[in-house]
């Protein structure tokens, strides 16, 4: 009978230890979860601040933006003129070569 009681006490102690260990693990998981939630919330706030900063910077017009836009427009016009003149010169060269070959015959 005493052996049976001792065996039951050991089993009870083992189960009690396992229950305590399980509760401790649950507490650790809960603590980890709350720490991760706090970290996630900090990251969200940081992302929100960064997005606000980005929008603010995008709204600000640089000091020389107007001049840059005007110069870009002028460059585009000059390029169009260059391309037109180049094509005209090439067409005239072709006509000249046709005329020279016709005169040579």
PDB file of N, CA and C in Angstrom:
ATOM      1  N   UNK A   1       0.814  -1.184   0.000  1.00  0.00           N
ATOM      2  CA  UNK A   1       0.000   0.000   0.000  1.00  0.00           C
ATOM      3  C   UNK A   1       0.864   1.256   0.000  1.00  0.00           C
ATOM      4  N   UNK A   2       1.906   1.242   0.802  1.00  0.00           N
ATOM      5  CA  UNK A   2       2.808   2.381   0.878  1.00  0.00           C
ATOM      6  C   UNK A   2       3.518   2.580  -0.463  1.00  0.00           C
ATOM      7  N   UNK A   3       3.852   1.476  -1.106  1.00  0.00           N
ATOM      8  CA  UNK A   3       4.519   1.559  -2.409  1.00  0.00           C
ATOM      9  C   UNK A   3       3.572   2.173  -3.441  1.00  0.00           C
ATOM     10  N   UNK A   4       2.302   1.804  -3.331  1.00  0.00           N
ATOM     11  CA  UNK A   4       1.301   2.336  -4.253  1.00  0.00           C
ATOM     12  C   UNK A   4       1.139   3.840  -4.041  1.00  0.00           C
ATOM     13  N   UNK A   5       1.129   4.273  -2.770  1.00  0.00           N
ATOM     14  CA  UNK A   5       1.004   5.700  -2.466  1.00  0.00           C
ATOM     15  C   UNK A   5       2.220   6.467  -2.977  1.00  0.00           C
ATOM     16  N   UNK A   6       3.394   5.894  -2.800  1.00  0.00           N
ATOM     17  CA  UNK A   6       4.627   6.535  -3.258  1.00  0.00           C
ATOM     18  C   UNK A   6       4.619   6.666  -4.782  1.00  0.00           C
ATOM     19  N   UNK A   7       4.158   5.623  -5.441  1.00  0.00           N
ATOM     20  CA  UNK A   7       4.084   5.644  -6.906  1.00  0.00           C
ATOM     21  C   UNK A   7       3.087   6.706  -7.366  1.00  0.00           C
ATOM     22  N   UNK A   8       1.946   6.796  -6.703  1.00  0.00           N
ATOM     23  CA  UNK A   8       0.942   7.796  -7.049  1.00  0.00           C
ATOM     24  C   UNK A   8       1.456   9.210  -6.786  1.00  0.00           C
ATOM     25  N   UNK A   9       2.208   9.375  -5.679  1.00  0.00           N
ATOM     26  CA  UNK A   9       2.764  10.697  -5.377  1.00  0.00           C
ATOM     27  C   UNK A   9       3.781  11.118  -6.443  1.00  0.00           C
ATOM     28  N   UNK A  10       4.623  10.165  -6.868  1.00  0.00           N
ATOM     29  CA  UNK A  10       5.598  10.482  -7.916  1.00  0.00           C
ATOM     30  C   UNK A  10       4.882  10.850  -9.221  1.00  0.00           C
ATOM     31  N   UNK A  11       3.838  10.106  -9.545  1.00  0.00           N
ATOM     32  CA  UNK A  11       3.070  10.403 -10.753  1.00  0.00           C
ATOM     33  C   UNK A  11       2.410  11.773 -10.628  1.00  0.00           C
ATOM     34  N   UNK A  12       1.860  12.061  -9.439  1.00  0.00           N
ATOM     35  CA  UNK A  12       1.233  13.359  -9.195  1.00  0.00           C
ATOM     36  C   UNK A  12       2.264  14.480  -9.286  1.00  0.00           C
ATOM     37  N   UNK A  13       3.449  14.263  -8.710  1.00  0.00           N
ATOM     38  CA  UNK A  13       4.515  15.264  -8.784  1.00  0.00           C
ATOM     39  C   UNK A  13       4.955  15.489 -10.237  1.00  0.00           C
ATOM     40  N   UNK A  14       5.052  14.411 -10.996  1.00  0.00           N
ATOM     41  CA  UNK A  14       5.440  14.512 -12.405  1.00  0.00           C
ATOM     42  C   UNK A  14       4.398  15.303 -13.191  1.00  0.00           C
ATOM     43  N   UNK A  15       3.130  14.977 -12.980  1.00  0.00           N
ATOM     44  CA  UNK A  15       2.050  15.682 -13.673  1.00  0.00           C
ATOM     45  C   UNK A  15       2.026  17.144 -13.254  1.00  0.00           C
ATOM     46  N   UNK A  16       2.225  17.409 -11.957  1.00  0.00           N
ATOM     47  CA  UNK A  16       2.247  18.783 -11.462  1.00  0.00           C
ATOM     48  C   UNK A  16       3.398  19.561 -12.100  1.00  0.00           C
ATOM     49  N   UNK A  17       4.557  18.927 -12.213  1.00  0.00           N
ATOM     50  CA  UNK A  17       5.715  19.575 -12.837  1.00  0.00           C
ATOM     51  C   UNK A  17       5.436  19.860 -14.314  1.00  0.00           C
ATOM     52  N   UNK A  18       4.805  18.888 -14.989  1.00  0.00           N
ATOM     53  CA  UNK A  18       4.483  19.092 -16.402  1.00  0.00           C
ATOM     54  C   UNK A  18       3.474  20.223 -16.580  1.00  0.00           C
ATOM     55  N   UNK A  19       2.488  20.290 -15.699  1.00  0.00           N
ATOM     56  CA  UNK A  19       1.492  21.361 -15.765  1.00  0.00           C
ATOM     57  C   UNK A  19       2.165  22.708 -15.525  1.00  0.00           C
ATOM     58  N   UNK A  20       3.052  22.768 -14.531  1.00  0.00           N
ATOM     59  CA  UNK A  20       3.765  24.009 -14.241  1.00  0.00           C
ATOM     60  C   UNK A  20       4.638  24.412 -15.436  1.00  0.00           C
ATOM     61  N   UNK A  21       5.300  23.421 -16.031  1.00  0.00           N
ATOM     62  CA  UNK A  21       6.136  23.690 -17.203  1.00  0.00           C
ATOM     63  C   UNK A  21       5.279  24.195 -18.370  1.00  0.00           C
ATOM     64  N   UNK A  22       4.126  23.585 -18.569  1.00  0.00           N
ATOM     65  CA  UNK A  22       3.211  24.018 -19.632  1.00  0.00           C
ATOM     66  C   UNK A  22       2.726  25.438 -19.400  1.00  0.00           C
ATOM     67  N   UNK A  23       2.375  25.763 -18.162  1.00  0.00           N
ATOM     68  CA  UNK A  23       1.928  27.128 -17.846  1.00  0.00           C
ATOM     69  C   UNK A  23       3.052  28.137 -18.072  1.00  0.00           C
ATOM     70  N   UNK A  24       4.260  27.736 -17.707  1.00  0.00           N
ATOM     71  CA  UNK A  24       5.416  28.615 -17.914  1.00  0.00           C
ATOM     72  C   UNK A  24       5.639  28.862 -19.410  1.00  0.00           C
ATOM     73  N   UNK A  25       5.506  27.817 -20.207  1.00  0.00           N
ATOM     74  CA  UNK A  25       5.651  27.973 -21.654  1.00  0.00           C
ATOM     75  C   UNK A  25       4.558  28.880 -22.221  1.00  0.00           C
ATOM     76  N   UNK A  26       3.334  28.725 -21.714  1.00  0.00           N
ATOM     77  CA  UNK A  26       2.230  29.580 -22.158  1.00  0.00           C
ATOM     78  C   UNK A  26       2.524  31.033 -21.809  1.00  0.00           C
ATOM     79  N   UNK A  27       3.031  31.263 -20.597  1.00  0.00           N
ATOM     80  CA  UNK A  27       3.382  32.626 -20.192  1.00  0.00           C
ATOM     81  C   UNK A  27       4.489  33.197 -21.086  1.00  0.00           C
ATOM     82  N   UNK A  28       5.481  32.354 -21.411  1.00  0.00           N
ATOM     83  CA  UNK A  28       6.570  32.800 -22.285  1.00  0.00           C
ATOM     84  C   UNK A  28       6.052  33.153 -23.682  1.00  0.00           C
ATOM     85  N   UNK A  29       5.144  32.326 -24.186  1.00  0.00           N
ATOM     86  CA  UNK A  29       4.574  32.594 -25.503  1.00  0.00           C
ATOM     87  C   UNK A  29       3.773  33.893 -25.472  1.00  0.00           C
ATOM     88  N   UNK A  30       3.012  34.094 -24.411  1.00  0.00           N
ATOM     89  CA  UNK A  30       2.223  35.322 -24.292  1.00  0.00           C
ATOM     90  C   UNK A  30       3.140  36.543 -24.218  1.00  0.00           C
ATOM     91  N   UNK A  31       4.228  36.427 -23.470  1.00  0.00           N
ATOM     92  CA  UNK A  31       5.176  37.537 -23.371  1.00  0.00           C
ATOM     93  C   UNK A  31       5.831  37.805 -24.732  1.00  0.00           C
ATOM     94  N   UNK A  32       6.206  36.735 -25.422  1.00  0.00           N
ATOM     95  CA  UNK A  32       6.806  36.895 -26.750  1.00  0.00           C
ATOM     96  C   UNK A  32       5.814  37.524 -27.720  1.00  0.00           C
ATOM     97  N   UNK A  33       4.564  37.097 -27.629  1.00  0.00           N
ATOM     98  CA  UNK A  33       3.536  37.648 -28.509  1.00  0.00           C
ATOM     99  C   UNK A  33       3.340  39.141 -28.264  1.00  0.00           C
ATOM    100  N   UNK A  34       3.279  39.524 -27.006  1.00  0.00           N
ATOM    101  CA  UNK A  34       3.095  40.948 -26.710  1.00  0.00           C
ATOM    102  C   UNK A  34       4.321  41.756 -27.139  1.00  0.00           C
ATOM    103  N   UNK A  35       5.521  41.189 -26.990  1.00  0.00           N
ATOM    104  CA  UNK A  35       6.732  41.880 -27.435  1.00  0.00           C
ATOM    105  C   UNK A  35       6.723  42.046 -28.954  1.00  0.00           C
ATOM    106  N   UNK A  36       6.307  41.003 -29.659  1.00  0.00           N
ATOM    107  CA  UNK A  36       6.236  41.093 -31.116  1.00  0.00           C
ATOM    108  C   UNK A  36       5.157  42.074 -31.562  1.00  0.00           C
ATOM    109  N   UNK A  37       4.038  42.101 -30.851  1.00  0.00           N
ATOM    110  CA  UNK A  37       2.987  43.070 -31.173  1.00  0.00           C
ATOM    111  C   UNK A  37       3.495  44.500 -30.998  1.00  0.00           C
ATOM    112  N   UNK A  38       4.234  44.735 -29.917  1.00  0.00           N
ATOM    113  CA  UNK A  38       4.786  46.069 -29.673  1.00  0.00           C
ATOM    114  C   UNK A  38       5.793  46.444 -30.762  1.00  0.00           C
ATOM    115  N   UNK A  39       6.627  45.487 -31.144  1.00  0.00           N
ATOM    116  CA  UNK A  39       7.615  45.737 -32.192  1.00  0.00           C
ATOM    117  C   UNK A  39       6.921  46.024 -33.526  1.00  0.00           C
ATOM    118  N   UNK A  40       5.882  45.264 -33.821  1.00  0.00           N
ATOM    119  CA  UNK A  40       5.118  45.474 -35.049  1.00  0.00           C
ATOM    120  C   UNK A  40       4.467  46.850 -35.053  1.00  0.00           C
ATOM    121  N   UNK A  41       3.940  47.256 -33.931  1.00  0.00           N
ATOM    122  CA  UNK A  41       3.303  48.572 -33.825  1.00  0.00           C
ATOM    123  C   UNK A  41       4.333  49.688 -34.023  1.00  0.00           C
ATOM    124  N   UNK A  42       5.535  49.516 -33.457  1.00  0.00           N
ATOM    125  CA  UNK A  42       6.608  50.503 -33.654  1.00  0.00           C
ATOM    126  C   UNK A  42       6.989  50.597 -35.129  1.00  0.00           C
ATOM    127  N   UNK A  43       7.078  49.456 -35.785  1.00  0.00           N
ATOM    128  CA  UNK A  43       7.443  49.441 -37.208  1.00  0.00           C
ATOM    129  C   UNK A  43       6.356  50.113 -38.052  1.00  0.00           C
ATOM    130  N   UNK A  44       5.101  49.881 -37.709  1.00  0.00           N
ATOM    131  CA  UNK A  44       4.009  50.521 -38.444  1.00  0.00           C
ATOM    132  C   UNK A  44       4.068  52.037 -38.279  1.00  0.00           C
ATOM    133  N   UNK A  45       4.325  52.480 -37.050  1.00  0.00           N
ATOM    134  CA  UNK A  45       4.424  53.919 -36.798  1.00  0.00           C
ATOM    135  C   UNK A  45       5.612  54.507 -37.560  1.00  0.00           C
ATOM    136  N   UNK A  46       6.721  53.778 -37.574  1.00  0.00           N
ATOM    137  CA  UNK A  46       7.912  54.229 -38.299  1.00  0.00           C
ATOM    138  C   UNK A  46       7.625  54.316 -39.800  1.00  0.00           C
ATOM    139  N   UNK A  47       6.926  53.324 -40.333  1.00  0.00           N
ATOM    140  CA  UNK A  47       6.559  53.332 -41.746  1.00  0.00           C
ATOM    141  C   UNK A  47       5.640  54.503 -42.061  1.00  0.00           C
ATOM    142  N   UNK A  48       4.699  54.759 -41.195  1.00  0.00           N
ATOM    143  CA  UNK A  48       3.769  55.867 -41.403  1.00  0.00           C
ATOM    144  C   UNK A  48       4.520  57.206 -41.415  1.00  0.00           C
ATOM    145  N   UNK A  49       5.460  57.377 -40.476  1.00  0.00           N
ATOM    146  CA  UNK A  49       6.250  58.611 -40.449  1.00  0.00           C
ATOM    147  C   UNK A  49       7.083  58.756 -41.721  1.00  0.00           C
ATOM    148  N   UNK A  50       7.675  57.648 -42.168  1.00  0.00           N
ATOM    149  CA  UNK A  50       8.495  57.693 -43.383  1.00  0.00           C
ATOM    150  C   UNK A  50       7.644  58.035 -44.606  1.00  0.00           C
ATOM    151  N   UNK A  51       6.439  57.485 -44.678  1.00  0.00           N
ATOM    152  CA  UNK A  51       5.550  57.799 -45.802  1.00  0.00           C
ATOM    153  C   UNK A  51       5.141  59.269 -45.779  1.00  0.00           C
ATOM    154  N   UNK A  52       4.876  59.809 -44.591  1.00  0.00           N
ATOM    155  CA  UNK A  52       4.532  61.229 -44.487  1.00  0.00           C
ATOM    156  C   UNK A  52       5.701  62.092 -44.945  1.00  0.00           C
ATOM    157  N   UNK A  53       6.914  61.729 -44.523  1.00  0.00           N
ATOM    158  CA  UNK A  53       8.104  62.466 -44.935  1.00  0.00           C
ATOM    159  C   UNK A  53       8.280  62.421 -46.452  1.00  0.00           C
ATOM    160  N   UNK A  54       8.057  61.244 -47.032  1.00  0.00           N
ATOM    161  CA  UNK A  54       8.182  61.096 -48.476  1.00  0.00           C
ATOM    162  C   UNK A  54       7.185  61.987 -49.205  1.00  0.00           C
ATOM    163  N   UNK A  55       5.936  61.994 -48.754  1.00  0.00           N
ATOM    164  CA  UNK A  55       4.927  62.840 -49.390  1.00  0.00           C
ATOM    165  C   UNK A  55       5.286  64.318 -49.258  1.00  0.00           C
ATOM    166  N   UNK A  56       5.813  64.705 -48.106  1.00  0.00           N
ATOM    167  CA  UNK A  56       6.210  66.097 -47.896  1.00  0.00           C
ATOM    168  C   UNK A  56       7.342  66.475 -48.843  1.00  0.00           C
ATOM    169  N   UNK A  57       8.321  65.605 -48.969  1.00  0.00           N
ATOM    170  CA  UNK A  57       9.464  65.883 -49.841  1.00  0.00           C
ATOM    171  C   UNK A  57       9.021  65.935 -51.301  1.00  0.00           C
ATOM    172  N   UNK A  58       8.089  65.072 -51.677  1.00  0.00           N
ATOM    173  CA  UNK A  58       7.618  65.070 -53.059  1.00  0.00           C
ATOM    174  C   UNK A  58       6.837  66.335 -53.391  1.00  0.00           C
ATOM    175  N   UNK A  59       6.184  66.935 -52.402  1.00  0.00           N
ATOM    176  CA  UNK A  59       5.403  68.139 -52.633  1.00  0.00           C
ATOM    177  C   UNK A  59       6.281  69.377 -52.786  1.00  0.00           C
ATOM    178  N   UNK A  60       7.444  69.349 -52.154  1.00  0.00           N
ATOM    179  CA  UNK A  60       8.330  70.515 -52.180  1.00  0.00           C
ATOM    180  C   UNK A  60       8.935  70.656 -53.572  1.00  0.00           C
ATOM    181  N   UNK A  61       8.823  71.852 -54.136  1.00  0.00           N
ATOM    182  CA  UNK A  61       9.359  72.127 -55.469  1.00  0.00           C
ATOM    183  C   UNK A  61      10.780  72.666 -55.308  1.00  0.00           C
ATOM    184  N   UNK A  62      11.761  72.034 -55.941  1.00  0.00           N
ATOM    185  CA  UNK A  62      13.133  72.528 -55.833  1.00  0.00           C
ATOM    186  C   UNK A  62      13.245  73.963 -56.345  1.00  0.00           C
ATOM    187  N   UNK A  63      14.260  74.666 -55.892  1.00  0.00           N
ATOM    188  CA  UNK A  63      14.436  76.081 -56.209  1.00  0.00           C
ATOM    189  C   UNK A  63      14.595  76.311 -57.708  1.00  0.00           C
ATOM    190  N   UNK A  64      15.274  75.431 -58.402  1.00  0.00           N
ATOM    191  CA  UNK A  64      15.552  75.631 -59.817  1.00  0.00           C
ATOM    192  C   UNK A  64      14.661  74.778 -60.711  1.00  0.00           C
ATOM    193  N   UNK A  65      13.552  74.284 -60.187  1.00  0.00           N
ATOM    194  CA  UNK A  65      12.677  73.407 -60.962  1.00  0.00           C
ATOM    195  C   UNK A  65      12.108  74.114 -62.191  1.00  0.00           C
ATOM    196  N   UNK A  66      11.694  75.364 -62.041  1.00  0.00           N
ATOM    197  CA  UNK A  66      11.145  76.106 -63.178  1.00  0.00           C
ATOM    198  C   UNK A  66      12.163  76.284 -64.283  1.00  0.00           C
ATOM    199  N   UNK A  67      13.377  76.646 -63.890  1.00  0.00           N
ATOM    200  CA  UNK A  67      14.441  76.827 -64.877  1.00  0.00           C
ATOM    201  C   UNK A  67      14.768  75.504 -65.565  1.00  0.00           C
ATOM    202  N   UNK A  68      14.794  74.432 -64.794  1.00  0.00           N
ATOM    203  CA  UNK A  68      15.077  73.112 -65.353  1.00  0.00           C
ATOM    204  C   UNK A  68      14.013  72.718 -66.378  1.00  0.00           C
ATOM    205  N   UNK A  69      12.762  72.947 -66.056  1.00  0.00           N
ATOM    206  CA  UNK A  69      11.675  72.617 -66.980  1.00  0.00           C
ATOM    207  C   UNK A  69      11.796  73.422 -68.267  1.00  0.00           C
ATOM    208  N   UNK A  70      12.112  74.708 -68.144  1.00  0.00           N
ATOM    209  CA  UNK A  70      12.267  75.557 -69.331  1.00  0.00           C
ATOM    210  C   UNK A  70      13.424  75.069 -70.200  1.00  0.00           C
ATOM    211  N   UNK A  71      14.533  74.710 -69.569  1.00  0.00           N
ATOM    212  CA  UNK A  71      15.688  74.224 -70.324  1.00  0.00           C
ATOM    213  C   UNK A  71      15.386  72.891 -71.005  1.00  0.00           C
ATOM    214  N   UNK A  72      14.655  72.019 -70.327  1.00  0.00           N
ATOM    215  CA  UNK A  72      14.286  70.743 -70.938  1.00  0.00           C
ATOM    216  C   UNK A  72      13.413  70.963 -72.170  1.00  0.00           C
ATOM    217  N   UNK A  73      12.486  71.898 -72.075  1.00  0.00           N
ATOM    218  CA  UNK A  73      11.621  72.214 -73.220  1.00  0.00           C
ATOM    219  C   UNK A  73      12.446  72.758 -74.377  1.00  0.00           C
ATOM    220  N   UNK A  74      13.383  73.645 -74.066  1.00  0.00           N
ATOM    221  CA  UNK A  74      14.241  74.214 -75.107  1.00  0.00           C
ATOM    222  C   UNK A  74      15.097  73.136 -75.763  1.00  0.00           C
ATOM    223  N   UNK A  75      15.619  72.225 -74.964  1.00  0.00           N
ATOM    224  CA  UNK A  75      16.438  71.132 -75.505  1.00  0.00           C
ATOM    225  C   UNK A  75      15.601  70.256 -76.438  1.00  0.00           C
ATOM    226  N   UNK A  76      14.373  69.967 -76.058  1.00  0.00           N
ATOM    227  CA  UNK A  76      13.504  69.159 -76.917  1.00  0.00           C
ATOM    228  C   UNK A  76      13.249  69.858 -78.249  1.00  0.00           C
ATOM    229  N   UNK A  77      13.016  71.164 -78.213  1.00  0.00           N
ATOM    230  CA  UNK A  77      12.786  71.917 -79.450  1.00  0.00           C
ATOM    231  C   UNK A  77      14.034  71.916 -80.328  1.00  0.00           C
ATOM    232  N   UNK A  78      15.193  72.119 -79.708  1.00  0.00           N
ATOM    233  CA  UNK A  78      16.442  72.116 -80.468  1.00  0.00           C
ATOM    234  C   UNK A  78      16.703  70.743 -81.086  1.00  0.00           C
ATOM    235  N   UNK A  79      16.395  69.699 -80.360  1.00  0.00           N
ATOM    236  CA  UNK A  79      16.579  68.341 -80.878  1.00  0.00           C
ATOM    237  C   UNK A  79      15.674  68.106 -82.089  1.00  0.00           C
ATOM    238  N   UNK A  80      14.426  68.542 -81.982  1.00  0.00           N
ATOM    239  CA  UNK A  80      13.502  68.391 -83.110  1.00  0.00           C
ATOM    240  C   UNK A  80      14.023  69.139 -84.340  1.00  0.00           C
ATOM    241  N   UNK A  81      14.547  70.342 -84.138  1.00  0.00           N
ATOM    242  CA  UNK A  81      15.115  71.115 -85.248  1.00  0.00           C
ATOM    243  C   UNK A  81      16.315  70.390 -85.858  1.00  0.00           C
ATOM    244  N   UNK A  82      17.164  69.844 -84.990  1.00  0.00           N
ATOM    245  CA  UNK A  82      18.346  69.125 -85.464  1.00  0.00           C
ATOM    246  C   UNK A  82      17.941  67.925 -86.320  1.00  0.00           C
ATOM    247  N   UNK A  83      16.982  67.158 -85.829  1.00  0.00           N
ATOM    248  CA  UNK A  83      16.550  65.964 -86.561  1.00  0.00           C
ATOM    249  C   UNK A  83      15.979  66.357 -87.917  1.00  0.00           C
ATOM    250  N   UNK A  84      15.163  67.398 -87.952  1.00  0.00           N
ATOM    251  CA  UNK A  84      14.579  67.860 -89.213  1.00  0.00           C
ATOM    252  C   UNK A  84      15.672  68.291 -90.193  1.00  0.00           C
ATOM    253  N   UNK A  85      16.619  69.069 -89.720  1.00  0.00           N
ATOM    254  CA  UNK A  85      17.704  69.545 -90.590  1.00  0.00           C
ATOM    255  C   UNK A  85      18.578  68.388 -91.073  1.00  0.00           C
ATOM    256  N   UNK A  86      18.836  67.427 -90.194  1.00  0.00           N
ATOM    257  CA  UNK A  86      19.649  66.271 -90.578  1.00  0.00           C
ATOM    258  C   UNK A  86      18.958  65.492 -91.695  1.00  0.00           C
ATOM    259  N   UNK A  87      17.665  65.283 -91.551  1.00  0.00           N
ATOM    260  CA  UNK A  87      16.916  64.560 -92.583  1.00  0.00           C
ATOM    261  C   UNK A  87      16.942  65.328 -93.912  1.00  0.00           C
ATOM    262  N   UNK A  88      16.782  66.642 -93.820  1.00  0.00           N
ATOM    263  CA  UNK A  88      16.827  67.457 -95.046  1.00  0.00           C
ATOM    264  C   UNK A  88      18.187  67.352 -95.727  1.00  0.00           C
ATOM    265  N   UNK A  89      19.263  67.427 -94.963  1.00  0.00           N
ATOM    266  CA  UNK A  89      20.614  67.326 -95.519  1.00  0.00           C
ATOM    267  C   UNK A  89      20.804  65.965 -96.172  1.00  0.00           C
ATOM    268  N   UNK A  90      20.349  64.902 -95.510  1.00  0.00           N
ATOM    269  CA  UNK A  90      20.496  63.562 -96.079  1.00  0.00           C
ATOM    270  C   UNK A  90      19.688  63.430 -97.371  1.00  0.00           C
ATOM    271  N   UNK A  91      18.486  64.007 -97.385  1.00  0.00           N
ATOM    272  CA  UNK A  91      17.667  63.953 -98.606  1.00  0.00           C
ATOM    273  C   UNK A  91      18.343  64.724 -99.734  1.00  0.00           C
ATOM    274  N   UNK A  92      18.908  65.885 -99.421  1.00  0.00           N
ATOM    275  CA  UNK A  92      19.613  66.671-100.438  1.00  0.00           C
ATOM    276  C   UNK A  92      20.854  65.943-100.951  1.00  0.00           C
ATOM    277  N   UNK A  93      21.565  65.269-100.068  1.00  0.00           N
ATOM    278  CA  UNK A  93      22.736  64.488-100.494  1.00  0.00           C
ATOM    279  C   UNK A  93      22.306  63.392-101.462  1.00  0.00           C
ATOM    280  N   UNK A  94      21.205  62.743-101.145  1.00  0.00           N
ATOM    281  CA  UNK A  94      20.708  61.676-102.014  1.00  0.00           C
ATOM    282  C   UNK A  94      20.323  62.240-103.388  1.00  0.00           C
ATOM    283  N   UNK A  95      19.621  63.371-103.414  1.00  0.00           N
ATOM    284  CA  UNK A  95      19.236  63.994-104.684  1.00  0.00           C
ATOM    285  C   UNK A  95      20.468  64.408-105.487  1.00  0.00           C
ATOM    286  N   UNK A  96      21.488  64.923-104.777  1.00  0.00           N
ATOM    287  CA  UNK A  96      22.723  65.319-105.450  1.00  0.00           C
ATOM    288  C   UNK A  96      23.398  64.112-106.084  1.00  0.00           C
ATOM    289  N   UNK A  97      23.445  63.009-105.358  1.00  0.00           N
ATOM    290  CA  UNK A  97      24.077  61.812-105.916  1.00  0.00           C
ATOM    291  C   UNK A  97      23.283  61.286-107.109  1.00  0.00           C
ATOM    292  N   UNK A  98      21.959  61.385-107.066  1.00  0.00           N
ATOM    293  CA  UNK A  98      21.136  60.958-108.204  1.00  0.00           C
ATOM    294  C   UNK A  98      21.411  61.859-109.407  1.00  0.00           C
ATOM    295  N   UNK A  99      21.487  63.163-109.184  1.00  0.00           N
ATOM    296  CA  UNK A  99      21.765  64.100-110.274  1.00  0.00           C
ATOM    297  C   UNK A  99      23.153  63.881-110.867  1.00  0.00           C
ATOM    298  N   UNK A 100      24.134  63.665-110.009  1.00  0.00           N
ATOM    299  CA  UNK A 100      25.501  63.441-110.487  1.00  0.00           C
ATOM    300  C   UNK A 100      25.580  62.161-111.310  1.00  0.00           C
ATOM    301  N   UNK A 101      24.881  61.131-110.866  1.00  0.00           N
ATOM    302  CA  UNK A 101      24.906  59.880-111.636  1.00  0.00           C
ATOM    303  C   UNK A 101      24.155  60.042-112.957  1.00  0.00           C
ATOM    304  N   UNK A 102      23.108  60.857-112.965  1.00  0.00           N
ATOM    305  CA  UNK A 102      22.361  61.101-114.206  1.00  0.00           C
ATOM    306  C   UNK A 102      23.206  61.922-115.181  1.00  0.00           C
ATOM    307  N   UNK A 103      23.958  62.870-114.692  1.00  0.00           N
ATOM    308  CA  UNK A 103      24.806  63.701-115.550  1.00  0.00           C
ATOM    309  C   UNK A 103      25.990  62.905-116.078  1.00  0.00           C
ATOM    310  N   UNK A 104      26.458  61.957-115.287  1.00  0.00           N
ATOM    311  CA  UNK A 104      27.601  61.155-115.703  1.00  0.00           C
ATOM    312  C   UNK A 104      27.218  60.228-116.848  1.00  0.00           C
ATOM    313  N   UNK A 105      25.985  59.884-116.989  1.00  0.00           N
ATOM    314  CA  UNK A 105      25.560  58.968-118.052  1.00  0.00           C
ATOM    315  C   UNK A 105      25.429  59.633-119.322  1.00  0.00           C
TER     316      UNK A 105
END
